[in-house]
Amino acid sequence: MIFSSWLGTYLDLILVEKQLYSFPIRPLPHIFSINIAFTLVLLPIATACFLCFAEKITKAQRMALALLLGFVMPISEQVAEKVGLFHHSSEWSHLYSFFGYIVFMWVVYKFHHLYSCKSRIKKH
């Protein structure tokens, strides 16, 4: 969860700095340019749920789950935009979110799998 929070925070910082999107409503706006509630709370919780579920399904099902998340996240972003929590620049394409979240979840899953205790215990 720490890795996903760290990765999400740095990606948001980079993309906000490049002015590809912004967070008009966010906690502590005079200190943070990103929505720390998302990167420190929502993203780790969602990642924990994803990892818990991903460990119990086949590789093909994990790929399907990642694709599903890839479809859901751009829709969620558009809803957040309508509510005023999120704003994309005119240069932004929601395809970035689609592919970005698929790659993000794949990287987080691979990191988790590589460093989890279960993957280091040899089965006899």
C-alpha atoms as a PDB file:
ATOM      1  CA  MET A   1       0.000   0.000   0.000  1.00  0.00           C
ATOM      2  CA  ILE A   2       2.903   2.310   0.730  1.00  0.00           C
ATOM      3  CA  PHE A   3       4.322   1.686  -2.743  1.00  0.00           C
ATOM      4  CA  SER A   4       0.991   2.463  -4.457  1.00  0.00           C
ATOM      5  CA  SER A   5       0.581   5.621  -2.366  1.00  0.00           C
ATOM      6  CA  TRP A   6       4.126   6.724  -3.135  1.00  0.00           C
ATOM      7  CA  LEU A   7       3.801   5.974  -6.849  1.00  0.00           C
ATOM      8  CA  GLY A   8       0.396   7.658  -7.104  1.00  0.00           C
ATOM      9  CA  THR A   9       1.628  10.726  -5.236  1.00  0.00           C
ATOM     10  CA  TYR A  10       4.638  11.202  -7.492  1.00  0.00           C
ATOM     11  CA  LEU A  11       2.641  10.617 -10.660  1.00  0.00           C
ATOM     12  CA  ASP A  12       0.073  13.198  -9.520  1.00  0.00           C
ATOM     13  CA  LEU A  13       2.817  15.685  -8.623  1.00  0.00           C
ATOM     14  CA  ILE A  14       4.408  15.294 -12.062  1.00  0.00           C
ATOM     15  CA  LEU A  15       1.139  15.548 -14.001  1.00  0.00           C
ATOM     16  CA  VAL A  16      -0.149  18.497 -11.947  1.00  0.00           C
ATOM     17  CA  GLU A  17       3.206  20.264 -12.420  1.00  0.00           C
ATOM     18  CA  LYS A  18       2.889  19.696 -16.186  1.00  0.00           C
ATOM     19  CA  GLN A  19      -0.606  21.227 -15.854  1.00  0.00           C
ATOM     20  CA  LEU A  20      -2.330  18.235 -17.449  1.00  0.00           C
ATOM     21  CA  TYR A  21      -4.837  18.189 -14.622  1.00  0.00           C
ATOM     22  CA  SER A  22      -5.592  19.854 -11.316  1.00  0.00           C
ATOM     23  CA  PHE A  23      -7.587  19.369  -8.151  1.00  0.00           C
ATOM     24  CA  PRO A  24      -9.744  22.464  -7.529  1.00  0.00           C
ATOM     25  CA  ILE A  25     -11.046  21.009  -4.251  1.00  0.00           C
ATOM     26  CA  ARG A  26      -8.440  19.281  -2.085  1.00  0.00           C
ATOM     27  CA  PRO A  27      -7.354  19.033   1.543  1.00  0.00           C
ATOM     28  CA  LEU A  28      -4.790  21.644   2.609  1.00  0.00           C
ATOM     29  CA  PRO A  29      -4.701  23.455  -0.757  1.00  0.00           C
ATOM     30  CA  HIS A  30      -2.197  26.042   0.485  1.00  0.00           C
ATOM     31  CA  ILE A  31       0.329  23.225   1.115  1.00  0.00           C
ATOM     32  CA  PHE A  32      -0.410  20.508  -1.466  1.00  0.00           C
ATOM     33  CA  SER A  33      -1.077  20.876  -5.197  1.00  0.00           C
ATOM     34  CA  ILE A  34      -2.504  17.343  -5.325  1.00  0.00           C
ATOM     35  CA  ASN A  35      -5.408  15.679  -3.570  1.00  0.00           C
ATOM     36  CA  ILE A  36      -3.623  13.894  -0.735  1.00  0.00           C
ATOM     37  CA  ALA A  37      -6.895  12.288   0.383  1.00  0.00           C
ATOM     38  CA  PHE A  38      -6.862  10.321  -2.868  1.00  0.00           C
ATOM     39  CA  THR A  39      -3.187   9.332  -2.839  1.00  0.00           C
ATOM     40  CA  LEU A  40      -2.905   8.634   0.894  1.00  0.00           C
ATOM     41  CA  VAL A  41      -6.314   7.073   1.607  1.00  0.00           C
ATOM     42  CA  LEU A  42      -8.441   6.074  -1.385  1.00  0.00           C
ATOM     43  CA  LEU A  43      -5.675   4.764  -3.638  1.00  0.00           C
ATOM     44  CA  PRO A  44      -4.088   2.481  -0.996  1.00  0.00           C
ATOM     45  CA  ILE A  45      -7.500   1.110   0.035  1.00  0.00           C
ATOM     46  CA  ALA A  46      -8.476   0.456  -3.594  1.00  0.00           C
ATOM     47  CA  THR A  47      -5.070  -1.109  -4.236  1.00  0.00           C
ATOM     48  CA  ALA A  48      -5.415  -3.378  -1.184  1.00  0.00           C
ATOM     49  CA  CYS A  49      -8.788  -4.567  -2.473  1.00  0.00           C
ATOM     50  CA  PHE A  50      -7.336  -5.137  -5.940  1.00  0.00           C
ATOM     51  CA  LEU A  51      -4.341  -7.088  -4.600  1.00  0.00           C
ATOM     52  CA  CYS A  52      -6.466  -9.188  -2.264  1.00  0.00           C
ATOM     53  CA  PHE A  53      -8.749 -10.136  -5.124  1.00  0.00           C
ATOM     54  CA  ALA A  54      -5.936 -10.465  -7.706  1.00  0.00           C
ATOM     55  CA  GLU A  55      -4.112 -13.058  -5.618  1.00  0.00           C
ATOM     56  CA  LYS A  56      -7.123 -15.370  -5.725  1.00  0.00           C
ATOM     57  CA  ILE A  57      -7.785 -15.358  -9.466  1.00  0.00           C
ATOM     58  CA  THR A  58      -6.005 -16.622 -12.569  1.00  0.00           C
ATOM     59  CA  LYS A  59      -3.670 -14.568 -14.735  1.00  0.00           C
ATOM     60  CA  ALA A  60      -6.346 -14.166 -17.423  1.00  0.00           C
ATOM     61  CA  GLN A  61      -8.854 -13.008 -14.826  1.00  0.00           C
ATOM     62  CA  ARG A  62      -6.303 -10.507 -13.456  1.00  0.00           C
ATOM     63  CA  MET A  63      -5.846  -9.138 -16.956  1.00  0.00           C
ATOM     64  CA  ALA A  64      -9.619  -8.816 -17.329  1.00  0.00           C
ATOM     65  CA  LEU A  65      -9.832  -7.098 -13.943  1.00  0.00           C
ATOM     66  CA  ALA A  66      -7.104  -4.636 -14.941  1.00  0.00           C
ATOM     67  CA  LEU A  67      -8.981  -3.897 -18.177  1.00  0.00           C
ATOM     68  CA  LEU A  68     -12.191  -3.365 -16.230  1.00  0.00           C
ATOM     69  CA  LEU A  69     -10.409  -0.916 -13.924  1.00  0.00           C
ATOM     70  CA  GLY A  70      -8.955   0.757 -16.993  1.00  0.00           C
ATOM     71  CA  PHE A  71     -12.504   1.346 -18.262  1.00  0.00           C
ATOM     72  CA  VAL A  72     -13.923   2.421 -14.891  1.00  0.00           C
ATOM     73  CA  MET A  73     -11.290   4.993 -13.921  1.00  0.00           C
ATOM     74  CA  PRO A  74     -11.763   7.412 -16.860  1.00  0.00           C
ATOM     75  CA  ILE A  75     -15.506   7.304 -16.185  1.00  0.00           C
ATOM     76  CA  SER A  76     -14.857   8.023 -12.499  1.00  0.00           C
ATOM     77  CA  GLU A  77     -12.623  10.933 -13.478  1.00  0.00           C
ATOM     78  CA  GLN A  78     -15.346  12.393 -15.689  1.00  0.00           C
ATOM     79  CA  VAL A  79     -17.821  12.151 -12.801  1.00  0.00           C
ATOM     80  CA  ALA A  80     -15.262  13.835 -10.517  1.00  0.00           C
ATOM     81  CA  GLU A  81     -14.892  16.600 -13.109  1.00  0.00           C
ATOM     82  CA  LYS A  82     -18.649  17.208 -13.181  1.00  0.00           C
ATOM     83  CA  VAL A  83     -18.713  17.430  -9.381  1.00  0.00           C
ATOM     84  CA  GLY A  84     -15.770  19.854  -9.437  1.00  0.00           C
ATOM     85  CA  LEU A  85     -13.153  17.652  -7.743  1.00  0.00           C
ATOM     86  CA  PHE A  86     -10.968  17.251 -10.791  1.00  0.00           C
ATOM     87  CA  HIS A  87     -10.089  19.289 -13.885  1.00  0.00           C
ATOM     88  CA  HIS A  88      -8.246  18.128 -16.997  1.00  0.00           C
ATOM     89  CA  SER A  89      -6.452  20.412 -19.433  1.00  0.00           C
ATOM     90  CA  SER A  90      -7.500  20.451 -23.084  1.00  0.00           C
ATOM     91  CA  GLU A  91      -4.347  18.420 -23.840  1.00  0.00           C
ATOM     92  CA  TRP A  92      -5.551  15.500 -21.683  1.00  0.00           C
ATOM     93  CA  SER A  93      -7.022  12.376 -23.216  1.00  0.00           C
ATOM     94  CA  HIS A  94      -8.958   9.881 -21.113  1.00  0.00           C
ATOM     95  CA  LEU A  95      -7.060   7.170 -22.968  1.00  0.00           C
ATOM     96  CA  TYR A  96      -4.113   8.220 -20.777  1.00  0.00           C
ATOM     97  CA  SER A  97      -6.141   7.234 -17.725  1.00  0.00           C
ATOM     98  CA  PHE A  98      -7.305   4.001 -19.324  1.00  0.00           C
ATOM     99  CA  PHE A  99      -3.785   2.800 -20.098  1.00  0.00           C
ATOM    100  CA  GLY A 100      -2.249   4.529 -17.092  1.00  0.00           C
ATOM    101  CA  TYR A 101      -4.371   2.693 -14.539  1.00  0.00           C
ATOM    102  CA  ILE A 102      -3.814  -0.648 -16.269  1.00  0.00           C
ATOM    103  CA  VAL A 103      -0.043  -0.112 -16.152  1.00  0.00           C
ATOM    104  CA  PHE A 104      -0.237   1.254 -12.591  1.00  0.00           C
ATOM    105  CA  MET A 105      -2.099  -1.808 -11.301  1.00  0.00           C
ATOM    106  CA  TRP A 106       0.232  -4.157 -13.194  1.00  0.00           C
ATOM    107  CA  VAL A 107       3.320  -2.467 -11.680  1.00  0.00           C
ATOM    108  CA  VAL A 108       1.808  -2.509  -8.184  1.00  0.00           C
ATOM    109  CA  TYR A 109       0.809  -6.168  -8.552  1.00  0.00           C
ATOM    110  CA  LYS A 110       4.286  -7.140  -9.798  1.00  0.00           C
ATOM    111  CA  PHE A 111       5.932  -5.184  -6.958  1.00  0.00           C
ATOM    112  CA  HIS A 112       3.616  -6.831  -4.422  1.00  0.00           C
ATOM    113  CA  HIS A 113       4.183 -10.287  -5.886  1.00  0.00           C
ATOM    114  CA  LEU A 114       7.951  -9.807  -5.959  1.00  0.00           C
ATOM    115  CA  TYR A 115       8.211  -8.614  -2.361  1.00  0.00           C
ATOM    116  CA  SER A 116       5.419 -10.547  -0.653  1.00  0.00           C
ATOM    117  CA  CYS A 117       6.367 -13.179   1.886  1.00  0.00           C
ATOM    118  CA  LYS A 118       4.300 -15.799   0.069  1.00  0.00           C
ATOM    119  CA  SER A 119       6.356 -15.505  -3.119  1.00  0.00           C
ATOM    120  CA  ARG A 120       9.633 -15.965  -1.219  1.00  0.00           C
ATOM    121  CA  ILE A 121       8.549 -19.107   0.645  1.00  0.00           C
ATOM    122  CA  LYS A 122       9.535 -22.155  -1.351  1.00  0.00           C
ATOM    123  CA  LYS A 123       6.838 -24.761  -1.641  1.00  0.00           C
ATOM    124  CA  HIS A 124       7.913 -28.357  -1.052  1.00  0.00           C
END
